[in-house]
Full PDB file with SEQRES, HELIX, SHEET, SSBOND, CRYST1, ORIGX, SCALE, CONECT and MASTER records, all heavy atoms in Angstrom:
SEQRES   1 A   40  ILE SER TYR ALA ALA THR ASP PHE THR SER HIS GLY ILE          
SEQRES   2 A   40  ASP ARG LEU ASN GLU ALA LEU LEU ILE ALA GLY ALA ILE          
SEQRES   3 A   40  LEU ILE ILE VAL PHE VAL LEU ILE GLU ARG SER SER LYS          
SEQRES   4 A   40  GLU                                                          
HELIX    1 AA1 SER A    2  HIS A   11  1                                  10    
HELIX    2 AA2 ARG A   15  SER A   37  1                                  23    
CRYST1    1.000    1.000    1.000  90.00  90.00  90.00 P 1           1          
ORIGX1      1.000000  0.000000  0.000000        0.00000                         
ORIGX2      0.000000  1.000000  0.000000        0.00000                         
ORIGX3      0.000000  0.000000  1.000000        0.00000                         
SCALE1      1.000000  0.000000  0.000000        0.00000                         
SCALE2      0.000000  1.000000  0.000000        0.00000                         
SCALE3      0.000000  0.000000  1.000000        0.00000                         
ATOM      1  N   ILE A   1       0.154  -2.291  -2.449  1.00  0.00           N  
ATOM      2  CA  ILE A   1      -1.255  -2.680  -2.517  1.00  0.00           C  
ATOM      3  C   ILE A   1      -1.481  -3.756  -3.575  1.00  0.00           C  
ATOM      4  O   ILE A   1      -2.175  -4.753  -3.332  1.00  0.00           O  
ATOM      5  CB  ILE A   1      -2.124  -1.442  -2.801  1.00  0.00           C  
ATOM      6  CG1 ILE A   1      -2.066  -0.475  -1.611  1.00  0.00           C  
ATOM      7  CG2 ILE A   1      -3.574  -1.844  -3.078  1.00  0.00           C  
ATOM      8  CD1 ILE A   1      -2.717   0.870  -1.869  1.00  0.00           C  
ATOM      9  N   SER A   2      -0.872  -3.570  -4.758  1.00  0.00           N  
ATOM     10  CA  SER A   2      -1.081  -4.513  -5.849  1.00  0.00           C  
ATOM     11  C   SER A   2      -0.460  -5.868  -5.532  1.00  0.00           C  
ATOM     12  O   SER A   2      -1.063  -6.921  -5.784  1.00  0.00           O  
ATOM     13  CB  SER A   2      -0.495  -3.960  -7.152  1.00  0.00           C  
ATOM     14  OG  SER A   2      -1.102  -2.747  -7.508  1.00  0.00           O  
ATOM     15  N   TYR A   3       0.742  -5.869  -4.958  1.00  0.00           N  
ATOM     16  CA  TYR A   3       1.364  -7.148  -4.622  1.00  0.00           C  
ATOM     17  C   TYR A   3       0.590  -7.851  -3.517  1.00  0.00           C  
ATOM     18  O   TYR A   3       0.423  -9.083  -3.547  1.00  0.00           O  
ATOM     19  CB  TYR A   3       2.821  -6.954  -4.203  1.00  0.00           C  
ATOM     20  CG  TYR A   3       3.537  -8.272  -3.996  1.00  0.00           C  
ATOM     21  CD1 TYR A   3       4.121  -8.929  -5.074  1.00  0.00           C  
ATOM     22  CD2 TYR A   3       3.578  -8.884  -2.740  1.00  0.00           C  
ATOM     23  CE1 TYR A   3       4.743 -10.157  -4.898  1.00  0.00           C  
ATOM     24  CE2 TYR A   3       4.197 -10.102  -2.551  1.00  0.00           C  
ATOM     25  CZ  TYR A   3       4.789 -10.734  -3.638  1.00  0.00           C  
ATOM     26  OH  TYR A   3       5.387 -11.947  -3.459  1.00  0.00           O  
ATOM     27  N   ALA A   4       0.104  -7.073  -2.538  1.00  0.00           N  
ATOM     28  CA  ALA A   4      -0.703  -7.680  -1.476  1.00  0.00           C  
ATOM     29  C   ALA A   4      -1.936  -8.358  -2.054  1.00  0.00           C  
ATOM     30  O   ALA A   4      -2.301  -9.467  -1.652  1.00  0.00           O  
ATOM     31  CB  ALA A   4      -1.110  -6.610  -0.460  1.00  0.00           C  
ATOM     32  N   ALA A   5      -2.572  -7.695  -3.027  1.00  0.00           N  
ATOM     33  CA  ALA A   5      -3.775  -8.270  -3.647  1.00  0.00           C  
ATOM     34  C   ALA A   5      -3.450  -9.544  -4.416  1.00  0.00           C  
ATOM     35  O   ALA A   5      -4.169 -10.546  -4.319  1.00  0.00           O  
ATOM     36  CB  ALA A   5      -4.417  -7.241  -4.577  1.00  0.00           C  
ATOM     37  N   THR A   6      -2.365  -9.507  -5.207  1.00  0.00           N  
ATOM     38  CA  THR A   6      -2.013 -10.682  -6.001  1.00  0.00           C  
ATOM     39  C   THR A   6      -1.520 -11.823  -5.113  1.00  0.00           C  
ATOM     40  O   THR A   6      -1.806 -12.997  -5.384  1.00  0.00           O  
ATOM     41  CB  THR A   6      -0.944 -10.324  -7.039  1.00  0.00           C  
ATOM     42  OG1 THR A   6       0.157  -9.660  -6.389  1.00  0.00           O  
ATOM     43  CG2 THR A   6      -1.497  -9.402  -8.099  1.00  0.00           C  
ATOM     44  N   ASP A   7      -0.804 -11.503  -4.039  1.00  0.00           N  
ATOM     45  CA  ASP A   7      -0.340 -12.545  -3.124  1.00  0.00           C  
ATOM     46  C   ASP A   7      -1.526 -13.173  -2.398  1.00  0.00           C  
ATOM     47  O   ASP A   7      -1.566 -14.393  -2.185  1.00  0.00           O  
ATOM     48  CB  ASP A   7       0.645 -11.946  -2.111  1.00  0.00           C  
ATOM     49  CG  ASP A   7       1.233 -13.003  -1.187  1.00  0.00           C  
ATOM     50  OD1 ASP A   7       2.036 -13.825  -1.663  1.00  0.00           O  
ATOM     51  OD2 ASP A   7       0.880 -13.010   0.015  1.00  0.00           O  
ATOM     52  N   PHE A   8      -2.500 -12.346  -2.046  1.00  0.00           N  
ATOM     53  CA  PHE A   8      -3.716 -12.862  -1.417  1.00  0.00           C  
ATOM     54  C   PHE A   8      -4.438 -13.825  -2.356  1.00  0.00           C  
ATOM     55  O   PHE A   8      -4.948 -14.866  -1.933  1.00  0.00           O  
ATOM     56  CB  PHE A   8      -4.631 -11.705  -1.032  1.00  0.00           C  
ATOM     57  CG  PHE A   8      -5.987 -12.135  -0.555  1.00  0.00           C  
ATOM     58  CD1 PHE A   8      -6.147 -12.700   0.702  1.00  0.00           C  
ATOM     59  CD2 PHE A   8      -7.107 -11.991  -1.361  1.00  0.00           C  
ATOM     60  CE1 PHE A   8      -7.392 -13.106   1.150  1.00  0.00           C  
ATOM     61  CE2 PHE A   8      -8.348 -12.396  -0.923  1.00  0.00           C  
ATOM     62  CZ  PHE A   8      -8.492 -12.951   0.334  1.00  0.00           C  
ATOM     63  N   THR A   9      -4.476 -13.469  -3.662  1.00  0.00           N  
ATOM     64  CA  THR A   9      -5.127 -14.337  -4.632  1.00  0.00           C  
ATOM     65  C   THR A   9      -4.452 -15.693  -4.705  1.00  0.00           C  
ATOM     66  O   THR A   9      -5.111 -16.728  -4.836  1.00  0.00           O  
ATOM     67  CB  THR A   9      -5.090 -13.674  -6.027  1.00  0.00           C  
ATOM     68  OG1 THR A   9      -5.708 -12.397  -5.943  1.00  0.00           O  
ATOM     69  CG2 THR A   9      -5.841 -14.516  -7.046  1.00  0.00           C  
ATOM     70  N   SER A  10      -3.129 -15.714  -4.621  1.00  0.00           N  
ATOM     71  CA  SER A  10      -2.381 -16.961  -4.779  1.00  0.00           C  
ATOM     72  C   SER A  10      -2.335 -17.792  -3.502  1.00  0.00           C  
ATOM     73  O   SER A  10      -2.386 -19.024  -3.559  1.00  0.00           O  
ATOM     74  CB  SER A  10      -0.946 -16.649  -5.228  1.00  0.00           C  
ATOM     75  OG  SER A  10      -0.944 -15.940  -6.444  1.00  0.00           O  
ATOM     76  N   HIS A  11      -2.245 -17.136  -2.321  1.00  0.00           N  
ATOM     77  CA  HIS A  11      -1.971 -17.871  -1.097  1.00  0.00           C  
ATOM     78  C   HIS A  11      -2.994 -17.659   0.012  1.00  0.00           C  
ATOM     79  O   HIS A  11      -2.926 -18.319   1.051  1.00  0.00           O  
ATOM     80  CB  HIS A  11      -0.586 -17.484  -0.565  1.00  0.00           C  
ATOM     81  CG  HIS A  11       0.528 -17.719  -1.530  1.00  0.00           C  
ATOM     82  ND1 HIS A  11       1.137 -16.692  -2.226  1.00  0.00           N  
ATOM     83  CD2 HIS A  11       1.123 -18.855  -1.950  1.00  0.00           C  
ATOM     84  CE1 HIS A  11       2.073 -17.182  -3.022  1.00  0.00           C  
ATOM     85  NE2 HIS A  11       2.081 -18.486  -2.873  1.00  0.00           N  
ATOM     86  N   GLY A  12      -3.912 -16.733  -0.168  1.00  0.00           N  
ATOM     87  CA  GLY A  12      -4.837 -16.408   0.899  1.00  0.00           C  
ATOM     88  C   GLY A  12      -4.258 -15.362   1.822  1.00  0.00           C  
ATOM     89  O   GLY A  12      -3.112 -14.934   1.673  1.00  0.00           O  
ATOM     90  N   ILE A  13      -5.029 -14.945   2.804  1.00  0.00           N  
ATOM     91  CA  ILE A  13      -4.591 -13.872   3.686  1.00  0.00           C  
ATOM     92  C   ILE A  13      -3.508 -14.372   4.641  1.00  0.00           C  
ATOM     93  O   ILE A  13      -3.571 -15.489   5.159  1.00  0.00           O  
ATOM     94  CB  ILE A  13      -5.791 -13.297   4.467  1.00  0.00           C  
ATOM     95  CG1 ILE A  13      -5.412 -11.990   5.141  1.00  0.00           C  
ATOM     96  CG2 ILE A  13      -6.352 -14.308   5.454  1.00  0.00           C  
ATOM     97  CD1 ILE A  13      -6.594 -11.207   5.660  1.00  0.00           C  
ATOM     98  N   ASP A  14      -2.450 -13.576   4.812  1.00  0.00           N  
ATOM     99  CA  ASP A  14      -1.395 -13.883   5.765  1.00  0.00           C  
ATOM    100  C   ASP A  14      -0.792 -12.580   6.270  1.00  0.00           C  
ATOM    101  O   ASP A  14      -1.192 -11.486   5.864  1.00  0.00           O  
ATOM    102  CB  ASP A  14      -0.326 -14.787   5.142  1.00  0.00           C  
ATOM    103  CG  ASP A  14       0.298 -14.200   3.880  1.00  0.00           C  
ATOM    104  OD1 ASP A  14       0.376 -12.956   3.773  1.00  0.00           O  
ATOM    105  OD2 ASP A  14       0.712 -14.975   3.002  1.00  0.00           O  
ATOM    106  N   ARG A  15       0.176 -12.674   7.149  1.00  0.00           N  
ATOM    107  CA  ARG A  15       0.744 -11.471   7.757  1.00  0.00           C  
ATOM    108  C   ARG A  15       1.454 -10.591   6.736  1.00  0.00           C  
ATOM    109  O   ARG A  15       1.452  -9.363   6.861  1.00  0.00           O  
ATOM    110  CB  ARG A  15       1.705 -11.871   8.869  1.00  0.00           C  
ATOM    111  CG  ARG A  15       1.011 -12.463  10.094  1.00  0.00           C  
ATOM    112  CD  ARG A  15       1.998 -12.773  11.208  1.00  0.00           C  
ATOM    113  NE  ARG A  15       1.323 -13.306  12.382  1.00  0.00           N  
ATOM    114  CZ  ARG A  15       1.950 -13.681  13.494  1.00  0.00           C  
ATOM    115  NH1 ARG A  15       3.277 -13.574  13.568  1.00  0.00           N  
ATOM    116  NH2 ARG A  15       1.261 -14.155  14.520  1.00  0.00           N  
ATOM    117  N   LEU A  16       2.071 -11.219   5.737  1.00  0.00           N  
ATOM    118  CA  LEU A  16       2.801 -10.448   4.733  1.00  0.00           C  
ATOM    119  C   LEU A  16       1.867  -9.544   3.948  1.00  0.00           C  
ATOM    120  O   LEU A  16       2.099  -8.330   3.860  1.00  0.00           O  
ATOM    121  CB  LEU A  16       3.544 -11.390   3.781  1.00  0.00           C  
ATOM    122  CG  LEU A  16       4.218 -10.705   2.571  1.00  0.00           C  
ATOM    123  CD1 LEU A  16       5.272  -9.703   3.030  1.00  0.00           C  
ATOM    124  CD2 LEU A  16       4.825 -11.751   1.629  1.00  0.00           C  
ATOM    125  N   ASN A  17       0.798 -10.121   3.356  1.00  0.00           N  
ATOM    126  CA  ASN A  17      -0.059  -9.260   2.541  1.00  0.00           C  
ATOM    127  C   ASN A  17      -0.885  -8.303   3.397  1.00  0.00           C  
ATOM    128  O   ASN A  17      -1.259  -7.231   2.934  1.00  0.00           O  
ATOM    129  CB  ASN A  17      -0.930 -10.070   1.560  1.00  0.00           C  
ATOM    130  CG  ASN A  17      -1.681 -11.198   2.198  1.00  0.00           C  
ATOM    131  OD1 ASN A  17      -2.309 -11.011   3.228  1.00  0.00           O  
ATOM    132  ND2 ASN A  17      -1.637 -12.385   1.573  1.00  0.00           N  
ATOM    133  N   GLU A  18      -1.162  -8.663   4.642  1.00  0.00           N  
ATOM    134  CA  GLU A  18      -1.807  -7.701   5.541  1.00  0.00           C  
ATOM    135  C   GLU A  18      -0.901  -6.495   5.777  1.00  0.00           C  
ATOM    136  O   GLU A  18      -1.344  -5.342   5.711  1.00  0.00           O  
ATOM    137  CB  GLU A  18      -2.134  -8.359   6.886  1.00  0.00           C  
ATOM    138  CG  GLU A  18      -3.374  -9.235   6.878  1.00  0.00           C  
ATOM    139  CD  GLU A  18      -3.662  -9.789   8.255  1.00  0.00           C  
ATOM    140  OE1 GLU A  18      -2.704  -9.962   9.052  1.00  0.00           O  
ATOM    141  OE2 GLU A  18      -4.834 -10.036   8.561  1.00  0.00           O  
ATOM    142  N   ALA A  19       0.389  -6.763   6.057  1.00  0.00           N  
ATOM    143  CA  ALA A  19       1.348  -5.685   6.310  1.00  0.00           C  
ATOM    144  C   ALA A  19       1.537  -4.817   5.073  1.00  0.00           C  
ATOM    145  O   ALA A  19       1.613  -3.583   5.159  1.00  0.00           O  
ATOM    146  CB  ALA A  19       2.680  -6.277   6.758  1.00  0.00           C  
ATOM    147  N   LEU A  20       1.602  -5.452   3.892  1.00  0.00           N  
ATOM    148  CA  LEU A  20       1.779  -4.700   2.657  1.00  0.00           C  
ATOM    149  C   LEU A  20       0.572  -3.810   2.368  1.00  0.00           C  
ATOM    150  O   LEU A  20       0.712  -2.680   1.893  1.00  0.00           O  
ATOM    151  CB  LEU A  20       2.017  -5.657   1.491  1.00  0.00           C  
ATOM    152  CG  LEU A  20       3.379  -6.343   1.443  1.00  0.00           C  
ATOM    153  CD1 LEU A  20       3.401  -7.407   0.356  1.00  0.00           C  
ATOM    154  CD2 LEU A  20       4.490  -5.323   1.207  1.00  0.00           C  
ATOM    155  N   LEU A  21      -0.629  -4.326   2.659  1.00  0.00           N  
ATOM    156  CA  LEU A  21      -1.834  -3.539   2.429  1.00  0.00           C  
ATOM    157  C   LEU A  21      -1.866  -2.311   3.338  1.00  0.00           C  
ATOM    158  O   LEU A  21      -2.182  -1.197   2.901  1.00  0.00           O  
ATOM    159  CB  LEU A  21      -3.072  -4.407   2.662  1.00  0.00           C  
ATOM    160  CG  LEU A  21      -4.413  -3.827   2.224  1.00  0.00           C  
ATOM    161  CD1 LEU A  21      -4.428  -3.552   0.734  1.00  0.00           C  
ATOM    162  CD2 LEU A  21      -5.550  -4.771   2.601  1.00  0.00           C  
ATOM    163  N   ILE A  22      -1.515  -2.500   4.594  1.00  0.00           N  
ATOM    164  CA  ILE A  22      -1.480  -1.368   5.532  1.00  0.00           C  
ATOM    165  C   ILE A  22      -0.402  -0.372   5.115  1.00  0.00           C  
ATOM    166  O   ILE A  22      -0.619   0.853   5.123  1.00  0.00           O  
ATOM    167  CB  ILE A  22      -1.223  -1.875   6.964  1.00  0.00           C  
ATOM    168  CG1 ILE A  22      -2.415  -2.721   7.442  1.00  0.00           C  
ATOM    169  CG2 ILE A  22      -0.973  -0.709   7.913  1.00  0.00           C  
ATOM    170  CD1 ILE A  22      -2.167  -3.439   8.755  1.00  0.00           C  
ATOM    171  N   ALA A  23       0.774  -0.881   4.724  1.00  0.00           N  
ATOM    172  CA  ALA A  23       1.862  -0.008   4.285  1.00  0.00           C  
ATOM    173  C   ALA A  23       1.452   0.797   3.063  1.00  0.00           C  
ATOM    174  O   ALA A  23       1.753   1.994   2.947  1.00  0.00           O  
ATOM    175  CB  ALA A  23       3.110  -0.832   3.984  1.00  0.00           C  
ATOM    176  N   GLY A  24       0.747   0.154   2.133  1.00  0.00           N  
ATOM    177  CA  GLY A  24       0.291   0.846   0.932  1.00  0.00           C  
ATOM    178  C   GLY A  24      -0.669   1.974   1.260  1.00  0.00           C  
ATOM    179  O   GLY A  24      -0.588   3.064   0.684  1.00  0.00           O  
ATOM    180  N   ALA A  25      -1.595   1.720   2.196  1.00  0.00           N  
ATOM    181  CA  ALA A  25      -2.547   2.759   2.594  1.00  0.00           C  
ATOM    182  C   ALA A  25      -1.832   3.946   3.231  1.00  0.00           C  
ATOM    183  O   ALA A  25      -2.153   5.110   2.964  1.00  0.00           O  
ATOM    184  CB  ALA A  25      -3.572   2.171   3.560  1.00  0.00           C  
ATOM    185  N   ILE A  26      -0.825   3.660   4.081  1.00  0.00           N  
ATOM    186  CA  ILE A  26      -0.056   4.743   4.702  1.00  0.00           C  
ATOM    187  C   ILE A  26       0.706   5.537   3.650  1.00  0.00           C  
ATOM    188  O   ILE A  26       0.764   6.775   3.694  1.00  0.00           O  
ATOM    189  CB  ILE A  26       0.917   4.166   5.752  1.00  0.00           C  
ATOM    190  CG1 ILE A  26       0.128   3.556   6.919  1.00  0.00           C  
ATOM    191  CG2 ILE A  26       1.879   5.246   6.255  1.00  0.00           C  
ATOM    192  CD1 ILE A  26       0.987   2.791   7.913  1.00  0.00           C  
ATOM    193  N   LEU A  27       1.283   4.846   2.665  1.00  0.00           N  
ATOM    194  CA  LEU A  27       2.052   5.511   1.621  1.00  0.00           C  
ATOM    195  C   LEU A  27       1.166   6.384   0.735  1.00  0.00           C  
ATOM    196  O   LEU A  27       1.631   7.397   0.205  1.00  0.00           O  
ATOM    197  CB  LEU A  27       2.801   4.479   0.778  1.00  0.00           C  
ATOM    198  CG  LEU A  27       4.021   3.859   1.463  1.00  0.00           C  
ATOM    199  CD1 LEU A  27       4.492   2.624   0.703  1.00  0.00           C  
ATOM    200  CD2 LEU A  27       5.151   4.883   1.574  1.00  0.00           C  
ATOM    201  N   ILE A  28      -0.098   6.007   0.550  1.00  0.00           N  
ATOM    202  CA  ILE A  28      -1.026   6.862  -0.199  1.00  0.00           C  
ATOM    203  C   ILE A  28      -1.201   8.196   0.532  1.00  0.00           C  
ATOM    204  O   ILE A  28      -1.205   9.278  -0.084  1.00  0.00           O  
ATOM    205  CB  ILE A  28      -2.398   6.173  -0.366  1.00  0.00           C  
ATOM    206  CG1 ILE A  28      -2.296   5.016  -1.385  1.00  0.00           C  
ATOM    207  CG2 ILE A  28      -3.457   7.176  -0.819  1.00  0.00           C  
ATOM    208  CD1 ILE A  28      -2.086   5.456  -2.810  1.00  0.00           C  
ATOM    209  N   ILE A  29      -1.313   8.140   1.860  1.00  0.00           N  
ATOM    210  CA  ILE A  29      -1.432   9.369   2.654  1.00  0.00           C  
ATOM    211  C   ILE A  29      -0.153  10.197   2.528  1.00  0.00           C  
ATOM    212  O   ILE A  29      -0.199  11.424   2.359  1.00  0.00           O  
ATOM    213  CB  ILE A  29      -1.708   9.023   4.126  1.00  0.00           C  
ATOM    214  CG1 ILE A  29      -3.051   8.295   4.255  1.00  0.00           C  
ATOM    215  CG2 ILE A  29      -1.711  10.289   4.990  1.00  0.00           C  
ATOM    216  CD1 ILE A  29      -3.348   7.771   5.652  1.00  0.00           C  
ATOM    217  N   VAL A  30       1.002   9.524   2.586  1.00  0.00           N  
ATOM    218  CA  VAL A  30       2.279  10.223   2.412  1.00  0.00           C  
ATOM    219  C   VAL A  30       2.354  10.882   1.041  1.00  0.00           C  
ATOM    220  O   VAL A  30       2.788  12.043   0.918  1.00  0.00           O  
ATOM    221  CB  VAL A  30       3.457   9.234   2.592  1.00  0.00           C  
ATOM    222  CG1 VAL A  30       4.787   9.902   2.227  1.00  0.00           C  
ATOM    223  CG2 VAL A  30       3.505   8.714   4.025  1.00  0.00           C  
ATOM    224  N   PHE A  31       1.890  10.184   0.016  1.00  0.00           N  
ATOM    225  CA  PHE A  31       1.898  10.733  -1.341  1.00  0.00           C  
ATOM    226  C   PHE A  31       1.050  11.999  -1.429  1.00  0.00           C  
ATOM    227  O   PHE A  31       1.468  13.004  -2.010  1.00  0.00           O  
ATOM    228  CB  PHE A  31       1.376   9.685  -2.323  1.00  0.00           C  
ATOM    229  CG  PHE A  31       1.107  10.216  -3.707  1.00  0.00           C  
ATOM    230  CD1 PHE A  31       2.141  10.579  -4.549  1.00  0.00           C  
ATOM    231  CD2 PHE A  31      -0.203  10.364  -4.155  1.00  0.00           C  
ATOM    232  CE1 PHE A  31       1.893  11.070  -5.818  1.00  0.00           C  
ATOM    233  CE2 PHE A  31      -0.458  10.862  -5.421  1.00  0.00           C  
ATOM    234  CZ  PHE A  31       0.590  11.216  -6.251  1.00  0.00           C  
ATOM    235  N   VAL A  32      -0.123  11.974  -0.834  1.00  0.00           N  
ATOM    236  CA  VAL A  32      -1.002  13.148  -0.861  1.00  0.00           C  
ATOM    237  C   VAL A  32      -0.338  14.329  -0.169  1.00  0.00           C  
ATOM    238  O   VAL A  32      -0.378  15.476  -0.660  1.00  0.00           O  
ATOM    239  CB  VAL A  32      -2.358  12.824  -0.202  1.00  0.00           C  
ATOM    240  CG1 VAL A  32      -3.194  14.099  -0.056  1.00  0.00           C  
ATOM    241  CG2 VAL A  32      -3.113  11.794  -1.031  1.00  0.00           C  
ATOM    242  N   LEU A  33       0.310  14.079   0.964  1.00  0.00           N  
ATOM    243  CA  LEU A  33       0.996  15.151   1.683  1.00  0.00           C  
ATOM    244  C   LEU A  33       2.145  15.722   0.858  1.00  0.00           C  
ATOM    245  O   LEU A  33       2.359  16.943   0.834  1.00  0.00           O  
ATOM    246  CB  LEU A  33       1.522  14.622   3.030  1.00  0.00           C  
ATOM    247  CG  LEU A  33       0.448  14.207   4.044  1.00  0.00           C  
ATOM    248  CD1 LEU A  33       1.098  13.599   5.283  1.00  0.00           C  
ATOM    249  CD2 LEU A  33      -0.425  15.400   4.423  1.00  0.00           C  
ATOM    250  N   ILE A  34       2.872  14.866   0.155  1.00  0.00           N  
ATOM    251  CA  ILE A  34       3.959  15.331  -0.705  1.00  0.00           C  
ATOM    252  C   ILE A  34       3.424  16.192  -1.833  1.00  0.00           C  
ATOM    253  O   ILE A  34       3.967  17.264  -2.143  1.00  0.00           O  
ATOM    254  CB  ILE A  34       4.751  14.123  -1.271  1.00  0.00           C  
ATOM    255  CG1 ILE A  34       5.524  13.420  -0.153  1.00  0.00           C  
ATOM    256  CG2 ILE A  34       5.708  14.571  -2.384  1.00  0.00           C  
ATOM    257  CD1 ILE A  34       6.184  12.128  -0.601  1.00  0.00           C  
ATOM    258  N   GLU A  35       2.339  15.746  -2.454  1.00  0.00           N  
ATOM    259  CA  GLU A  35       1.790  16.469  -3.591  1.00  0.00           C  
ATOM    260  C   GLU A  35       1.233  17.835  -3.185  1.00  0.00           C  
ATOM    261  O   GLU A  35       1.285  18.784  -3.965  1.00  0.00           O  
ATOM    262  CB  GLU A  35       0.683  15.640  -4.264  1.00  0.00           C  
ATOM    263  CG  GLU A  35       1.178  14.329  -4.869  1.00  0.00           C  
ATOM    264  CD  GLU A  35       2.255  14.547  -5.910  1.00  0.00           C  
ATOM    265  OE1 GLU A  35       1.918  14.871  -7.064  1.00  0.00           O  
ATOM    266  OE2 GLU A  35       3.446  14.378  -5.573  1.00  0.00           O  
ATOM    267  N   ARG A  36       0.728  17.944  -1.979  1.00  0.00           N  
ATOM    268  CA  ARG A  36       0.162  19.212  -1.519  1.00  0.00           C  
ATOM    269  C   ARG A  36       1.224  20.295  -1.382  1.00  0.00           C  
ATOM    270  O   ARG A  36       0.933  21.493  -1.521  1.00  0.00           O  
ATOM    271  CB  ARG A  36      -0.545  19.011  -0.173  1.00  0.00           C  
ATOM    272  CG  ARG A  36      -1.861  18.250  -0.279  1.00  0.00           C  
ATOM    273  CD  ARG A  36      -2.443  17.997   1.091  1.00  0.00           C  
ATOM    274  NE  ARG A  36      -2.795  19.238   1.778  1.00  0.00           N  
ATOM    275  CZ  ARG A  36      -3.966  19.836   1.695  1.00  0.00           C  
ATOM    276  NH1 ARG A  36      -4.920  19.303   0.951  1.00  0.00           N  
ATOM    277  NH2 ARG A  36      -4.208  20.952   2.347  1.00  0.00           N  
ATOM    278  N   SER A  37       2.463  19.870  -1.129  1.00  0.00           N  
ATOM    279  CA  SER A  37       3.530  20.844  -0.900  1.00  0.00           C  
ATOM    280  C   SER A  37       4.527  20.937  -2.054  1.00  0.00           C  
ATOM    281  O   SER A  37       5.412  21.788  -2.032  1.00  0.00           O  
ATOM    282  CB  SER A  37       4.284  20.498   0.384  1.00  0.00           C  
ATOM    283  OG  SER A  37       4.854  19.200   0.303  1.00  0.00           O  
ATOM    284  N   SER A  38       4.371  20.082  -3.067  1.00  0.00           N  
ATOM    285  CA  SER A  38       5.345  20.050  -4.159  1.00  0.00           C  
ATOM    286  C   SER A  38       5.003  21.073  -5.242  1.00  0.00           C  
ATOM    287  O   SER A  38       3.844  21.224  -5.625  1.00  0.00           O  
ATOM    288  CB  SER A  38       5.390  18.646  -4.780  1.00  0.00           C  
ATOM    289  OG  SER A  38       6.249  18.624  -5.916  1.00  0.00           O  
ATOM    290  N   LYS A  39       6.042  21.763  -5.741  1.00  0.00           N  
ATOM    291  CA  LYS A  39       5.856  22.698  -6.851  1.00  0.00           C  
ATOM    292  C   LYS A  39       5.833  21.971  -8.191  1.00  0.00           C  
ATOM    293  O   LYS A  39       5.408  22.531  -9.201  1.00  0.00           O  
ATOM    294  CB  LYS A  39       6.978  23.741  -6.850  1.00  0.00           C  
ATOM    295  CG  LYS A  39       6.962  24.659  -5.631  1.00  0.00           C  
ATOM    296  CD  LYS A  39       8.088  25.678  -5.695  1.00  0.00           C  
ATOM    297  CE  LYS A  39       8.067  26.600  -4.476  1.00  0.00           C  
ATOM    298  NZ  LYS A  39       9.176  27.591  -4.523  1.00  0.00           N  
ATOM    299  N   GLU A  40       6.338  20.745  -8.218  1.00  0.00           N  
ATOM    300  CA  GLU A  40       6.369  19.945  -9.445  1.00  0.00           C  
ATOM    301  C   GLU A  40       5.598  18.649  -9.217  1.00  0.00           C  
ATOM    302  O   GLU A  40       6.099  17.557  -9.444  1.00  0.00           O  
ATOM    303  CB  GLU A  40       7.822  19.640  -9.848  1.00  0.00           C  
ATOM    304  CG  GLU A  40       8.668  20.863 -10.119  1.00  0.00           C  
ATOM    305  CD  GLU A  40       8.292  21.544 -11.422  1.00  0.00           C  
ATOM    306  OE1 GLU A  40       7.501  20.957 -12.190  1.00  0.00           O  
ATOM    307  OE2 GLU A  40       8.785  22.652 -11.670  1.00  0.00           O  
TER     308      GLU A  40                                                      
MASTER        0    0    0    2    0    0    0    6  307    1    0    4          
END                                                                             
């Protein structure tokens, strides 16, 4: 998410930062699912 934002600032919107933003959002969901089941 952070790299997508900084790349957008430098170069404008393109397929790379769009893909990174979507990937980041999916990974946030994955993180929440991991935390719900993790003992640590």
